[in-house]
N, C-alpha and C. Protein backbone atom coordinates (compact mmCIF):
# COMPACT_ATOMS: atom_id res chain seq x y z
N ALA A 1 93.07 129.61 125.84
CA ALA A 1 93.55 128.22 126.01
C ALA A 1 94.45 127.86 124.85
N SER A 2 95.46 127.05 125.13
CA SER A 2 96.31 126.59 124.04
C SER A 2 96.11 125.10 123.81
N VAL A 3 96.82 124.59 122.81
CA VAL A 3 96.56 123.25 122.31
C VAL A 3 97.79 122.37 122.49
N LYS A 4 97.55 121.11 122.83
CA LYS A 4 98.63 120.12 122.95
C LYS A 4 98.42 119.03 121.91
N LEU A 5 99.52 118.37 121.55
CA LEU A 5 99.46 117.18 120.72
C LEU A 5 99.93 116.00 121.56
N VAL A 6 99.03 115.05 121.77
CA VAL A 6 99.37 113.82 122.50
C VAL A 6 99.71 112.76 121.45
N VAL A 7 100.92 112.20 121.56
CA VAL A 7 101.40 111.19 120.61
C VAL A 7 101.63 109.90 121.40
N ALA A 8 101.10 108.80 120.89
CA ALA A 8 101.29 107.51 121.55
C ALA A 8 101.72 106.48 120.53
N VAL A 9 102.73 105.70 120.88
CA VAL A 9 103.15 104.56 120.05
C VAL A 9 102.83 103.30 120.84
N LEU A 10 102.04 102.40 120.25
CA LEU A 10 101.55 101.27 121.01
C LEU A 10 101.47 100.00 120.16
N LYS A 11 101.15 98.91 120.83
CA LYS A 11 101.01 97.63 120.14
C LYS A 11 99.76 97.67 119.27
N PRO A 12 99.87 97.20 118.02
CA PRO A 12 98.74 97.30 117.09
C PRO A 12 97.45 96.69 117.61
N HIS A 13 97.53 95.57 118.34
CA HIS A 13 96.29 94.93 118.78
C HIS A 13 95.57 95.70 119.89
N LYS A 14 96.21 96.78 120.37
CA LYS A 14 95.59 97.60 121.40
C LYS A 14 94.85 98.81 120.83
N LEU A 15 94.91 98.99 119.51
CA LEU A 15 94.33 100.19 118.90
C LEU A 15 92.84 100.33 119.19
N ASP A 16 92.08 99.25 119.03
CA ASP A 16 90.63 99.34 119.24
C ASP A 16 90.29 99.75 120.66
N GLU A 17 91.00 99.19 121.63
CA GLU A 17 90.74 99.55 123.03
C GLU A 17 91.06 101.02 123.28
N VAL A 18 92.15 101.49 122.67
CA VAL A 18 92.53 102.89 122.83
C VAL A 18 91.48 103.80 122.19
N LYS A 19 91.02 103.43 120.99
CA LYS A 19 89.97 104.23 120.32
C LYS A 19 88.72 104.31 121.19
N GLU A 20 88.31 103.18 121.75
CA GLU A 20 87.11 103.16 122.60
C GLU A 20 87.30 104.04 123.84
N ALA A 21 88.48 103.96 124.45
CA ALA A 21 88.76 104.77 125.64
C ALA A 21 88.68 106.26 125.30
N LEU A 22 89.22 106.63 124.15
CA LEU A 22 89.20 108.04 123.74
C LEU A 22 87.79 108.50 123.39
N ARG A 23 87.03 107.61 122.73
CA ARG A 23 85.63 107.94 122.45
C ARG A 23 84.87 108.17 123.75
N GLY A 24 85.18 107.34 124.74
CA GLY A 24 84.53 107.48 126.05
C GLY A 24 84.79 108.82 126.70
N LEU A 25 85.92 109.44 126.36
CA LEU A 25 86.24 110.77 126.89
C LEU A 25 85.65 111.88 126.02
N GLY A 26 85.02 111.49 124.91
CA GLY A 26 84.48 112.51 124.01
C GLY A 26 85.52 113.13 123.10
N VAL A 27 86.63 112.43 122.88
CA VAL A 27 87.66 112.95 121.96
C VAL A 27 87.08 112.97 120.55
N ALA A 28 87.17 114.13 119.90
CA ALA A 28 86.49 114.34 118.62
C ALA A 28 87.19 113.62 117.47
N GLY A 29 88.51 113.51 117.51
CA GLY A 29 89.19 112.89 116.39
C GLY A 29 90.59 112.47 116.76
N LEU A 30 91.14 111.60 115.94
CA LEU A 30 92.53 111.19 116.13
C LEU A 30 93.11 110.78 114.79
N THR A 31 94.42 110.72 114.73
CA THR A 31 95.13 110.27 113.54
C THR A 31 95.90 109.02 113.91
N MET A 32 95.84 108.01 113.05
CA MET A 32 96.54 106.75 113.29
C MET A 32 97.47 106.48 112.12
N THR A 33 98.70 106.09 112.44
CA THR A 33 99.68 105.72 111.43
C THR A 33 100.29 104.38 111.81
N GLU A 34 100.46 103.50 110.82
CA GLU A 34 101.20 102.26 111.07
C GLU A 34 102.68 102.59 110.96
N VAL A 35 103.43 102.28 112.02
CA VAL A 35 104.85 102.61 112.07
C VAL A 35 105.65 101.39 112.49
N GLU A 36 106.95 101.50 112.45
CA GLU A 36 107.83 100.45 112.96
C GLU A 36 108.89 101.11 113.82
N GLY A 37 109.34 100.39 114.83
CA GLY A 37 110.38 100.96 115.66
C GLY A 37 110.89 99.94 116.66
N PHE A 38 111.83 100.39 117.48
CA PHE A 38 112.25 99.55 118.59
C PHE A 38 112.59 100.43 119.76
N GLY A 39 112.47 99.85 120.93
CA GLY A 39 112.84 100.53 122.17
C GLY A 39 113.80 99.64 122.91
N ARG A 40 113.55 99.48 124.19
CA ARG A 40 114.42 98.63 125.00
C ARG A 40 114.41 97.19 124.53
N GLN A 41 113.30 96.78 123.90
CA GLN A 41 113.21 95.38 123.49
C GLN A 41 114.21 95.05 122.38
N ARG A 42 114.71 96.09 121.68
CA ARG A 42 115.76 95.92 120.67
C ARG A 42 115.42 94.88 119.61
N GLY A 43 114.15 94.86 119.20
CA GLY A 43 113.77 93.92 118.16
C GLY A 43 113.75 92.50 118.69
N HIS A 44 113.78 91.53 117.79
CA HIS A 44 113.69 90.14 118.19
C HIS A 44 114.25 89.28 117.06
N THR A 45 114.39 88.00 117.32
CA THR A 45 114.88 87.11 116.26
C THR A 45 113.73 86.28 115.71
N GLU A 46 113.79 86.01 114.41
CA GLU A 46 112.79 85.16 113.76
C GLU A 46 113.52 84.10 112.95
N VAL A 47 112.90 82.95 112.86
CA VAL A 47 113.48 81.87 112.06
C VAL A 47 112.72 81.79 110.74
N TYR A 48 113.45 81.84 109.63
CA TYR A 48 112.85 81.75 108.30
C TYR A 48 113.62 80.72 107.50
N ARG A 49 112.93 79.68 107.05
CA ARG A 49 113.57 78.58 106.31
C ARG A 49 114.82 78.06 107.01
N GLY A 50 114.70 77.90 108.32
CA GLY A 50 115.79 77.29 109.08
C GLY A 50 116.89 78.23 109.50
N ALA A 51 116.91 79.45 108.97
CA ALA A 51 117.96 80.40 109.36
C ALA A 51 117.36 81.44 110.32
N GLU A 52 118.18 81.89 111.25
CA GLU A 52 117.71 82.86 112.24
C GLU A 52 118.08 84.27 111.78
N TYR A 53 117.13 85.18 111.86
CA TYR A 53 117.37 86.57 111.46
C TYR A 53 117.07 87.49 112.63
N GLN A 54 117.84 88.55 112.73
CA GLN A 54 117.56 89.59 113.72
C GLN A 54 116.60 90.60 113.07
N VAL A 55 115.48 90.82 113.72
CA VAL A 55 114.50 91.78 113.23
C VAL A 55 114.56 93.00 114.14
N ASP A 56 115.08 94.12 113.60
CA ASP A 56 115.27 95.31 114.44
C ASP A 56 113.96 96.03 114.72
N PHE A 57 113.12 96.16 113.70
CA PHE A 57 111.93 96.98 113.84
C PHE A 57 110.69 96.12 114.08
N VAL A 58 109.90 96.56 115.03
CA VAL A 58 108.69 95.86 115.42
C VAL A 58 107.50 96.72 114.97
N PRO A 59 106.45 96.11 114.41
CA PRO A 59 105.28 96.90 114.00
C PRO A 59 104.59 97.55 115.20
N LYS A 60 104.25 98.81 115.04
CA LYS A 60 103.56 99.56 116.08
C LYS A 60 102.50 100.43 115.41
N VAL A 61 101.66 101.03 116.22
CA VAL A 61 100.67 101.99 115.75
C VAL A 61 100.96 103.30 116.47
N LYS A 62 100.98 104.40 115.70
CA LYS A 62 101.12 105.73 116.31
C LYS A 62 99.77 106.44 116.26
N VAL A 63 99.33 106.89 117.43
CA VAL A 63 98.06 107.60 117.55
C VAL A 63 98.37 109.04 117.95
N GLU A 64 97.76 110.00 117.25
CA GLU A 64 97.97 111.41 117.57
C GLU A 64 96.63 112.07 117.84
N VAL A 65 96.56 112.81 118.94
CA VAL A 65 95.33 113.48 119.35
C VAL A 65 95.65 114.93 119.68
N LEU A 66 94.97 115.85 119.02
CA LEU A 66 95.06 117.27 119.38
C LEU A 66 94.00 117.56 120.43
N CYS A 67 94.38 118.33 121.46
CA CYS A 67 93.41 118.62 122.52
C CYS A 67 93.76 119.94 123.19
N GLU A 68 92.79 120.46 123.93
CA GLU A 68 93.06 121.64 124.76
C GLU A 68 94.00 121.22 125.89
N ASP A 69 94.86 122.15 126.28
CA ASP A 69 95.87 121.90 127.31
C ASP A 69 95.37 121.06 128.48
N GLU A 70 94.24 121.50 129.05
CA GLU A 70 93.79 120.89 130.31
C GLU A 70 93.27 119.47 130.13
N ARG A 71 93.01 119.06 128.88
CA ARG A 71 92.52 117.70 128.65
C ARG A 71 93.66 116.69 128.46
N ALA A 72 94.87 117.17 128.25
CA ALA A 72 95.99 116.27 127.96
C ALA A 72 96.20 115.20 129.03
N PRO A 73 96.21 115.53 130.33
CA PRO A 73 96.47 114.49 131.33
C PRO A 73 95.47 113.34 131.30
N GLU A 74 94.17 113.63 131.14
CA GLU A 74 93.19 112.55 131.13
C GLU A 74 93.29 111.72 129.86
N ILE A 75 93.68 112.35 128.76
CA ILE A 75 93.85 111.63 127.50
C ILE A 75 95.07 110.70 127.61
N VAL A 76 96.15 111.21 128.17
CA VAL A 76 97.35 110.38 128.39
C VAL A 76 96.99 109.18 129.26
N GLU A 77 96.27 109.42 130.34
CA GLU A 77 95.92 108.34 131.27
C GLU A 77 95.03 107.30 130.61
N ALA A 78 94.06 107.75 129.81
CA ALA A 78 93.15 106.83 129.13
C ALA A 78 93.92 105.95 128.14
N ILE A 79 94.82 106.55 127.40
CA ILE A 79 95.63 105.78 126.43
C ILE A 79 96.50 104.77 127.18
N ALA A 80 97.16 105.24 128.24
CA ALA A 80 98.07 104.36 128.98
C ALA A 80 97.33 103.15 129.54
N GLN A 81 96.16 103.38 130.11
CA GLN A 81 95.40 102.27 130.69
C GLN A 81 94.92 101.31 129.62
N ALA A 82 94.45 101.85 128.49
CA ALA A 82 93.90 101.00 127.44
C ALA A 82 95.00 100.23 126.70
N ALA A 83 96.20 100.80 126.62
CA ALA A 83 97.27 100.20 125.83
C ALA A 83 98.15 99.24 126.63
N ARG A 84 98.02 99.27 127.96
CA ARG A 84 98.94 98.52 128.81
C ARG A 84 98.65 97.03 128.81
N THR A 85 99.70 96.23 128.54
CA THR A 85 99.59 94.78 128.73
C THR A 85 100.48 94.33 129.89
N GLY A 86 101.45 95.19 130.26
CA GLY A 86 102.40 94.83 131.31
C GLY A 86 103.61 94.10 130.77
N ARG A 87 103.65 93.89 129.45
CA ARG A 87 104.79 93.19 128.84
C ARG A 87 105.66 94.20 128.11
N ILE A 88 106.89 93.79 127.84
CA ILE A 88 107.84 94.69 127.17
C ILE A 88 107.27 95.07 125.80
N GLY A 89 107.53 96.33 125.39
CA GLY A 89 107.06 96.79 124.08
C GLY A 89 105.69 97.44 124.11
N ASP A 90 105.15 97.73 125.30
CA ASP A 90 103.84 98.38 125.38
C ASP A 90 103.83 99.76 124.75
N GLY A 91 104.97 100.43 124.69
CA GLY A 91 105.05 101.69 123.97
C GLY A 91 105.30 102.89 124.85
N LYS A 92 105.08 104.07 124.26
CA LYS A 92 105.33 105.34 124.94
C LYS A 92 104.27 106.35 124.55
N ILE A 93 104.09 107.34 125.42
CA ILE A 93 103.20 108.47 125.15
C ILE A 93 104.00 109.73 125.45
N TRP A 94 103.88 110.72 124.57
CA TRP A 94 104.49 112.01 124.89
C TRP A 94 103.55 113.13 124.47
N VAL A 95 103.74 114.30 125.07
CA VAL A 95 102.86 115.45 124.86
C VAL A 95 103.70 116.62 124.39
N LEU A 96 103.24 117.25 123.31
CA LEU A 96 103.97 118.38 122.72
C LEU A 96 103.09 119.63 122.72
N PRO A 97 103.70 120.80 122.95
CA PRO A 97 102.94 122.04 122.73
C PRO A 97 102.71 122.20 121.23
N THR A 98 101.60 122.81 120.87
CA THR A 98 101.26 122.99 119.45
C THR A 98 101.16 124.47 119.15
N GLU A 99 101.97 124.93 118.21
CA GLU A 99 102.02 126.35 117.86
C GLU A 99 100.71 126.86 117.31
N GLU A 100 100.13 126.10 116.38
CA GLU A 100 98.95 126.60 115.68
C GLU A 100 98.14 125.43 115.15
N VAL A 101 96.83 125.56 115.19
CA VAL A 101 95.93 124.58 114.60
C VAL A 101 94.94 125.35 113.74
N VAL A 102 94.74 124.90 112.51
CA VAL A 102 93.79 125.55 111.60
C VAL A 102 92.86 124.50 111.02
N ARG A 103 91.56 124.73 111.13
CA ARG A 103 90.60 123.87 110.43
C ARG A 103 90.54 124.36 108.99
N ILE A 104 90.95 123.51 108.07
CA ILE A 104 91.10 123.92 106.67
C ILE A 104 89.78 124.42 106.09
N ARG A 105 88.69 123.72 106.37
CA ARG A 105 87.40 124.07 105.75
C ARG A 105 86.94 125.48 106.11
N THR A 106 87.10 125.86 107.40
CA THR A 106 86.51 127.12 107.87
C THR A 106 87.54 128.20 108.16
N GLY A 107 88.82 127.80 108.30
CA GLY A 107 89.83 128.77 108.69
C GLY A 107 89.88 129.03 110.19
N GLU A 108 89.02 128.33 110.98
CA GLU A 108 89.07 128.50 112.44
C GLU A 108 90.46 128.13 112.94
N ARG A 109 90.87 128.80 114.03
CA ARG A 109 92.22 128.59 114.57
C ARG A 109 92.19 128.28 116.06
N GLY A 110 93.28 127.65 116.52
CA GLY A 110 93.42 127.35 117.94
C GLY A 110 92.38 126.35 118.40
N PRO A 111 91.96 126.43 119.69
CA PRO A 111 91.01 125.46 120.23
C PRO A 111 89.70 125.37 119.41
N ASP A 112 89.30 126.47 118.77
CA ASP A 112 88.10 126.44 117.94
C ASP A 112 88.24 125.49 116.76
N ALA A 113 89.47 125.21 116.35
CA ALA A 113 89.72 124.34 115.20
C ALA A 113 89.67 122.87 115.57
N LEU A 114 89.57 122.57 116.88
CA LEU A 114 89.54 121.17 117.29
C LEU A 114 88.15 120.60 117.02
């Protein structure tokens, strides 16, 4: 079996729901990073001291999950359902093949390292 990396960029307030959904699937671990970006929404305008500013980057959360190939579709679906609000800026999920995974403590490799 080989390993995939599921990457999701989502609205920060959806992180807890996504974590719970992944726990419900028995996902052993994930990595979370606070990031900024823009998609179709192209940022937004904010008013500060009476002046209007264009804000290009919107705060997001990036969640990364390593998994065995066959688990990727259910993980993608769980994230999508938990993160969806139906409004612009809900985010994206993508899946990458992973060349190698090593558990640092034991030296285990591949799916055994998950």
